[in-house]
Protein backbone atom coordinates (compact mmCIF):
# COMPACT_ATOMS: atom_id res chain seq x y z
CA UNK A 1 -56.06 185.76 58.81
CA UNK A 2 -54.69 184.99 55.36
CA UNK A 3 -53.16 181.52 55.44
CA UNK A 4 -50.02 182.88 53.73
CA UNK A 5 -49.27 185.31 56.56
CA UNK A 6 -47.54 184.20 59.73
CA UNK A 7 -48.84 185.78 62.95
CA UNK A 8 -46.39 188.33 64.33
CA UNK A 9 -45.58 189.72 67.73
CA UNK A 10 -46.34 193.45 67.71
CA UNK A 11 -45.87 196.24 70.25
CA UNK A 12 -48.25 199.21 70.16
CA UNK A 13 -47.13 202.28 72.08
CA UNK A 14 -50.13 204.35 73.07
CA UNK A 15 -53.66 203.01 73.51
CA UNK A 16 -55.47 206.10 72.30
CA UNK A 17 -57.79 206.43 69.33
CA UNK A 18 -55.26 205.08 66.84
CA UNK A 19 -53.23 202.68 69.00
CA UNK A 20 -56.10 200.88 70.72
CA UNK A 21 -57.99 200.33 67.47
CA UNK A 22 -54.80 199.14 65.76
CA UNK A 23 -53.94 196.78 68.62
CA UNK A 24 -57.46 195.33 68.77
CA UNK A 25 -57.60 194.76 65.01
CA UNK A 26 -54.17 193.12 64.92
CA UNK A 27 -55.05 190.88 67.88
CA UNK A 28 -58.38 189.93 66.29
CA UNK A 29 -56.55 188.78 63.16
CA UNK A 30 -54.27 186.45 65.12
CA UNK A 31 -51.23 188.57 65.98
CA UNK A 32 -49.81 188.68 69.50
CA UNK A 33 -50.01 192.32 70.60
CA UNK A 34 -48.43 194.07 73.56
CA UNK A 35 -50.00 197.47 74.18
CA UNK A 36 -48.47 200.12 76.42
CA UNK A 37 -49.65 203.53 77.56
CA UNK A 38 -48.69 205.92 80.34
CA UNK A 39 -52.40 206.46 81.10
CA UNK A 40 -53.33 203.81 83.68
CA UNK A 41 -57.04 204.17 82.83
CA UNK A 42 -56.49 203.03 79.24
CA UNK A 43 -54.32 200.09 80.25
CA UNK A 44 -56.66 198.91 83.01
CA UNK A 45 -59.71 199.26 80.72
CA UNK A 46 -58.14 197.05 78.05
CA UNK A 47 -57.03 194.51 80.68
CA UNK A 48 -60.67 194.32 81.87
CA UNK A 49 -61.80 193.73 78.27
CA UNK A 50 -63.33 197.20 77.91
CA UNK A 51 -62.60 199.93 75.40
CA UNK A 52 -61.10 203.01 77.09
CA UNK A 53 -63.27 205.30 74.90
CA UNK A 54 -66.22 204.98 72.54
CA UNK A 55 -65.52 203.82 69.02
CA UNK A 56 -68.16 201.78 67.18
CA UNK A 57 -67.27 198.08 67.40
CA UNK A 58 -64.13 198.57 69.51
CA UNK A 59 -65.55 197.17 72.75
CA UNK A 60 -66.52 193.96 70.95
CA UNK A 61 -63.02 193.60 69.48
CA UNK A 62 -61.32 194.26 72.82
CA UNK A 63 -63.59 191.71 74.52
CA UNK A 64 -62.98 189.19 71.72
CA UNK A 65 -59.23 189.13 72.35
CA UNK A 66 -58.73 188.99 76.13
CA UNK A 67 -55.26 189.70 77.55
CA UNK A 68 -53.01 186.73 78.21
CA UNK A 69 -51.37 188.31 81.24
CA UNK A 70 -50.74 191.56 83.01
């Protein structure tokens, strides 16, 4: 993360193709991210450190930034 940017707390609504990638990238750059989705499969996948769908590199990012709580 750029040393001139303060980490933020961010909420991402929807952990689909756009939301999950966005949340993982923001978390990997030091932001605190809260992700929410009405699909229990997506939420439980992310909480286990797994990507809920295939996107190149996403599983690694999700694993890199484990959840702090459920």
